[in-house]
Amino acid sequence: MNAPVQVPAQTRLRLAHGCLDHLAREAGVRILHLKGVSLHPSLAEGRSPSTDCDVLVEPAQVGLYCQVLAAHDWQQITTFEHGSVFTHAATFHHQVWGTVDVHRTFPGLEHDPAVTFERLWDAHEQVDLGGIACAAPDLTAQRLLLLVHAARDAMGRARHDVRVSWTEVDADGRARIDALAMELGAVVPLALVTDRPELAVGQPDEHLWRAVHRRANPTEVWMARLRDARGPRRRARILVEAVRVNRDHLGLRLGRVPTRQEVRREWWARWGRFLRR
């Protein structure tokens, strides 16, 4: 018997993006394809390959799109609320197509998500993914997104992304990136990742981004969020979130849905780590 044909990972990802776009169009939802195989060739050359898909969904249609994915055998692995400190994306997995991060926002773009999506959509370009013309941000926006992501990247691509998106870009290109960052509220992460930290002083979420940029431990990240929080109610909410068990991450670590006893044990462990640090 002949062995099954192994589809190259990057080919599978391109087909997966095409599938995701087809489902979006059928539902009347607009999505933008981010990073990975959707990148402009000048940004992708020499970059380590991606292992999943990323899409940014128009905010008003995020709930509908998640329902569509679930109806087509995409299993939700993490929720928006517990996926990361930025609560920006939910992760879905399909047995054939692999994993996709469904973004309702992009961390570092701090202005209104609906306005941000429209700004990126208005200037989008088409890229062929799996035989479908898919929408992706234009080159300037892709550069900004890579730079903002590099400010918190833990996957080892930051050096490449900063080089192709900033170091090797001419003055006019950098000016366009700076202008778009100002327009979308991405001044702080861009300033840090391009070695201009003085531009971040006094800006919203300055301490949070400084913490994630230097790869601070979780407790230091929570303390940074407290420093950035405005008003006692916001600070109280962050404290409650800091000691709450992230059931999504615990479930991923265990490989199954955690029991109440395991959640309770993790809660006490979180308090212990918090006090030690």
Protein backbone atom coordinates (compact mmCIF):
# COMPACT_ATOMS: atom_id res chain seq x y z
CA MET A 1 0.00 0.00 0.00
CA ASN A 2 1.30 3.43 -0.94
CA ALA A 3 2.06 5.82 1.92
CA PRO A 4 -0.25 8.86 2.17
CA VAL A 5 0.99 11.99 0.46
CA GLN A 6 2.33 14.57 2.90
CA VAL A 7 1.24 18.10 2.00
CA PRO A 8 4.01 20.67 2.73
CA ALA A 9 3.15 22.78 5.75
CA GLN A 10 3.26 26.10 3.89
CA THR A 11 0.97 24.73 1.17
CA ARG A 12 -1.48 23.56 3.82
CA LEU A 13 -1.41 26.99 5.44
CA ARG A 14 -2.17 28.73 2.13
CA LEU A 15 -5.09 26.38 1.59
CA ALA A 16 -6.23 26.97 5.18
CA HIS A 17 -6.24 30.74 4.61
CA GLY A 18 -8.31 30.18 1.48
CA CYS A 19 -10.77 28.07 3.46
CA LEU A 20 -11.03 30.73 6.17
CA ASP A 21 -11.67 33.40 3.55
CA HIS A 22 -14.32 31.29 1.81
CA LEU A 23 -16.20 30.79 5.08
CA ALA A 24 -16.00 34.52 5.79
CA ARG A 25 -17.38 35.46 2.38
CA GLU A 26 -20.21 32.95 2.67
CA ALA A 27 -21.19 34.59 5.97
CA GLY A 28 -20.77 38.15 4.70
CA VAL A 29 -17.87 38.81 7.07
CA ARG A 30 -14.76 40.80 6.14
CA ILE A 31 -11.40 39.47 7.32
CA LEU A 32 -7.81 40.57 6.78
CA HIS A 33 -5.09 37.93 6.55
CA LEU A 34 -2.07 38.68 8.74
CA LYS A 35 1.57 37.59 8.86
CA GLY A 36 2.70 34.12 7.87
CA VAL A 37 2.07 33.05 4.28
CA SER A 38 0.10 36.24 3.57
CA LEU A 39 3.17 38.49 4.04
CA HIS A 40 4.57 40.63 1.26
CA PRO A 41 7.53 38.78 -0.35
CA SER A 42 10.01 41.46 0.75
CA LEU A 43 9.03 40.81 4.38
CA ALA A 44 8.72 37.04 4.16
CA GLU A 45 12.09 36.25 2.54
CA GLY A 46 14.41 34.69 5.12
CA ARG A 47 11.75 34.66 7.85
CA SER A 48 11.24 31.41 9.74
CA PRO A 49 8.01 29.78 8.54
CA SER A 50 4.73 30.12 10.39
CA THR A 51 2.89 27.14 11.80
CA ASP A 52 -0.60 28.64 11.99
CA CYS A 53 -2.92 31.24 10.44
CA ASP A 54 -3.84 34.70 11.71
CA VAL A 55 -6.87 36.72 10.62
CA LEU A 56 -8.24 40.05 11.80
CA VAL A 57 -12.06 40.13 11.74
CA GLU A 58 -14.19 43.25 11.46
CA PRO A 59 -15.17 43.80 15.11
CA ALA A 60 -18.93 43.85 14.65
CA GLN A 61 -18.82 40.39 13.03
CA VAL A 62 -16.42 38.54 15.34
CA GLY A 63 -19.16 36.60 17.11
CA LEU A 64 -20.76 35.53 13.84
CA TYR A 65 -17.44 34.42 12.37
CA CYS A 66 -16.65 32.31 15.43
CA GLN A 67 -20.05 30.64 15.09
CA VAL A 68 -19.33 29.90 11.44
CA LEU A 69 -15.99 28.32 12.29
CA ALA A 70 -17.55 26.17 15.00
CA ALA A 71 -20.25 25.03 12.55
CA HIS A 72 -17.53 23.85 10.13
CA ASP A 73 -15.58 21.68 12.58
CA TRP A 74 -13.16 24.27 13.89
CA GLN A 75 -12.77 23.56 17.61
CA GLN A 76 -12.22 26.54 19.89
CA ILE A 77 -9.12 26.05 22.06
CA THR A 78 -8.80 29.41 23.82
CA THR A 79 -11.19 32.31 24.40
CA PHE A 80 -10.60 35.99 23.79
CA GLU A 81 -10.71 36.73 27.52
CA HIS A 82 -8.02 34.21 28.48
CA GLY A 83 -5.95 33.83 25.31
CA SER A 84 -3.40 36.47 26.35
CA VAL A 85 -2.89 39.50 28.55
CA PHE A 86 -4.17 41.61 25.65
CA THR A 87 -7.44 39.58 25.31
CA HIS A 88 -7.09 40.04 21.57
CA ALA A 89 -7.56 36.64 19.93
CA ALA A 90 -9.27 33.27 20.22
CA THR A 91 -7.61 30.13 18.89
CA PHE A 92 -9.41 27.50 16.80
CA HIS A 93 -8.13 24.16 15.51
CA HIS A 94 -9.25 22.02 12.58
CA GLN A 95 -8.08 18.44 12.06
CA VAL A 96 -7.29 19.12 8.40
CA TRP A 97 -6.34 22.79 8.25
CA GLY A 98 -4.56 23.26 11.56
CA THR A 99 -4.74 26.29 13.85
CA VAL A 100 -5.97 29.85 13.38
CA ASP A 101 -5.80 32.82 15.72
CA VAL A 102 -8.96 34.86 15.21
CA HIS A 103 -8.13 38.45 16.15
CA ARG A 104 -10.77 40.91 17.26
CA THR A 105 -7.99 43.45 17.81
CA PHE A 106 -4.24 43.60 17.18
CA PRO A 107 -2.17 44.23 20.35
CA GLY A 108 -0.45 47.60 20.18
CA LEU A 109 -3.02 49.27 17.93
CA GLU A 110 -4.82 51.03 20.75
CA HIS A 111 -7.35 53.19 18.94
CA ASP A 112 -10.95 52.15 18.30
CA PRO A 113 -10.92 48.60 16.80
CA ALA A 114 -13.69 49.35 14.31
CA VAL A 115 -11.95 52.49 13.03
CA THR A 116 -8.64 50.63 12.88
CA PHE A 117 -10.14 47.78 10.86
CA GLU A 118 -11.71 50.20 8.37
CA ARG A 119 -8.41 52.05 7.99
CA LEU A 120 -6.56 48.83 7.23
CA TRP A 121 -9.35 47.57 4.99
CA ASP A 122 -9.49 50.75 2.93
CA ALA A 123 -5.84 50.31 1.93
CA HIS A 124 -5.78 46.52 1.68
CA GLU A 125 -4.18 44.56 -1.12
CA GLN A 126 -5.02 41.17 -2.65
CA VAL A 127 -2.87 38.08 -2.14
CA ASP A 128 -3.52 34.65 -3.64
CA LEU A 129 -3.97 32.09 -0.88
CA GLY A 130 -5.23 28.67 -1.82
CA GLY A 131 -6.51 29.94 -5.15
CA ILE A 132 -8.57 32.71 -3.56
CA ALA A 133 -7.83 36.44 -3.75
CA CYS A 134 -7.62 37.26 -0.04
CA ALA A 135 -7.42 40.69 1.58
CA ALA A 136 -4.20 41.58 3.39
CA PRO A 137 -2.97 44.93 4.78
CA ASP A 138 -0.81 46.99 2.42
CA LEU A 139 2.98 47.02 2.73
CA THR A 140 3.19 49.95 5.17
CA ALA A 141 0.57 48.38 7.44
CA GLN A 142 2.28 44.99 7.25
CA ARG A 143 5.55 46.60 8.30
CA LEU A 144 3.85 48.29 11.26
CA LEU A 145 2.11 45.08 12.34
CA LEU A 146 5.38 43.14 12.22
CA LEU A 147 7.16 45.82 14.24
CA VAL A 148 4.42 46.02 16.86
CA HIS A 149 4.42 42.24 17.10
CA ALA A 150 8.21 42.21 17.36
CA ALA A 151 7.92 44.39 20.47
CA ARG A 152 6.45 41.38 22.29
CA ASP A 153 7.72 38.50 20.14
CA ALA A 154 8.88 35.41 21.97
CA MET A 155 9.29 33.23 18.86
CA GLY A 156 12.68 34.52 17.70
CA ARG A 157 11.51 36.43 14.62
CA ALA A 158 11.88 39.93 16.07
CA ARG A 159 15.39 40.58 14.72
CA HIS A 160 14.37 39.67 11.17
CA ASP A 161 11.10 41.63 11.35
CA VAL A 162 12.78 44.80 12.64
CA ARG A 163 15.45 44.55 9.96
CA VAL A 164 13.11 44.17 6.98
CA SER A 165 10.40 46.46 8.33
CA TRP A 166 12.55 49.30 9.70
CA THR A 167 16.35 49.04 9.48
CA GLU A 168 16.38 48.52 5.71
CA VAL A 169 13.50 50.93 5.02
CA ASP A 170 14.27 54.39 3.63
CA ALA A 171 13.32 57.66 5.33
CA ASP A 172 10.06 58.06 3.42
CA GLY A 173 8.99 54.52 4.29
CA ARG A 174 9.78 55.07 7.97
CA ALA A 175 7.81 58.31 7.94
CA ARG A 176 4.79 56.45 6.57
CA ILE A 177 5.12 53.83 9.31
CA ASP A 178 5.38 56.51 12.00
CA ALA A 179 2.33 58.33 10.61
CA LEU A 180 0.25 55.15 10.56
CA ALA A 181 1.38 54.29 14.10
CA MET A 182 0.23 57.71 15.28
CA GLU A 183 -3.09 57.26 13.48
CA LEU A 184 -3.75 53.80 14.95
CA GLY A 185 -2.33 54.35 18.44
CA ALA A 186 0.79 52.20 18.07
CA VAL A 187 3.39 54.77 19.16
CA VAL A 188 4.59 52.95 22.29
CA PRO A 189 5.48 49.49 20.91
CA LEU A 190 6.92 51.04 17.74
CA ALA A 191 9.10 53.40 19.78
CA LEU A 192 10.45 50.57 21.93
CA VAL A 193 11.20 48.16 19.11
CA THR A 194 12.94 50.83 17.00
CA ASP A 195 15.17 52.00 19.89
CA ARG A 196 13.42 55.30 20.47
CA PRO A 197 12.12 54.71 24.03
CA GLU A 198 11.89 58.41 24.78
CA LEU A 199 8.84 58.59 22.48
CA ALA A 200 6.97 56.17 24.75
CA VAL A 201 7.27 58.23 27.93
CA GLY A 202 3.89 59.20 29.35
CA GLN A 203 1.91 57.30 26.69
CA PRO A 204 -0.97 54.90 27.53
CA ASP A 205 0.18 51.36 28.40
CA GLU A 206 3.80 52.48 28.47
CA HIS A 207 4.75 50.25 31.41
CA LEU A 208 2.91 47.22 30.08
CA TRP A 209 4.77 47.41 26.77
CA ARG A 210 8.09 48.02 28.46
CA ALA A 211 7.48 44.87 30.52
CA VAL A 212 6.50 42.61 27.61
CA HIS A 213 9.29 44.04 25.47
CA ARG A 214 11.93 43.01 28.02
CA ARG A 215 10.25 39.57 28.46
CA ALA A 216 9.26 40.26 32.07
CA ASN A 217 7.73 37.47 34.15
CA PRO A 218 3.92 37.34 34.52
CA THR A 219 3.90 39.04 37.92
CA GLU A 220 5.95 41.96 36.57
CA VAL A 221 3.53 42.24 33.64
CA TRP A 222 0.57 42.45 36.03
CA MET A 223 2.38 45.09 38.12
CA ALA A 224 3.03 47.08 34.94
CA ARG A 225 -0.68 46.92 34.10
CA LEU A 226 -1.44 48.29 37.57
CA ARG A 227 0.93 51.21 36.99
CA ASP A 228 -0.81 52.02 33.71
CA ALA A 229 -4.35 51.65 35.09
CA ARG A 230 -6.32 54.83 35.57
CA GLY A 231 -8.71 54.95 38.52
CA PRO A 232 -9.30 52.64 41.51
CA ARG A 233 -11.99 50.61 39.74
CA ARG A 234 -9.66 49.66 36.91
CA ARG A 235 -6.88 48.78 39.37
CA ALA A 236 -9.24 46.59 41.40
CA ARG A 237 -10.33 44.77 38.26
CA ILE A 238 -6.72 44.06 37.29
CA LEU A 239 -5.98 42.66 40.75
CA VAL A 240 -8.94 40.30 40.48
CA GLU A 241 -7.82 39.19 37.01
CA ALA A 242 -4.26 38.65 38.23
CA VAL A 243 -5.19 35.92 40.72
CA ARG A 244 -7.96 34.36 38.61
CA VAL A 245 -7.01 31.00 37.11
CA ASN A 246 -6.70 31.01 33.33
CA ARG A 247 -8.74 27.90 32.57
CA ASP A 248 -7.76 27.98 28.89
CA HIS A 249 -4.04 27.80 29.60
CA LEU A 250 -4.50 25.25 32.38
CA GLY A 251 -6.53 23.06 30.03
CA LEU A 252 -3.84 23.30 27.34
CA ARG A 253 -1.19 22.32 29.87
CA LEU A 254 -3.23 19.34 31.09
CA GLY A 255 -4.49 18.35 27.65
CA ARG A 256 -8.09 18.24 28.86
CA VAL A 257 -10.75 20.25 30.68
CA PRO A 258 -9.48 20.88 34.24
CA THR A 259 -11.47 19.66 37.22
CA ARG A 260 -12.63 21.97 40.01
CA GLN A 261 -9.97 20.55 42.28
CA GLU A 262 -7.27 21.29 39.70
CA VAL A 263 -8.55 24.85 39.25
CA ARG A 264 -8.54 25.35 43.02
CA ARG A 265 -5.00 23.93 43.29
CA GLU A 266 -3.82 26.27 40.50
CA TRP A 267 -5.45 29.24 42.24
CA TRP A 268 -3.39 28.63 45.38
CA ALA A 269 -0.29 28.08 43.28
CA ARG A 270 -0.82 31.43 41.54
CA TRP A 271 -1.01 33.17 44.93
CA GLY A 272 2.21 31.46 45.96
CA ARG A 273 4.05 32.54 42.81
CA PHE A 274 2.69 36.07 43.17
CA LEU A 275 3.89 36.42 46.79
CA ARG A 276 7.31 34.90 46.07
CA ARG A 277 7.91 37.33 43.22
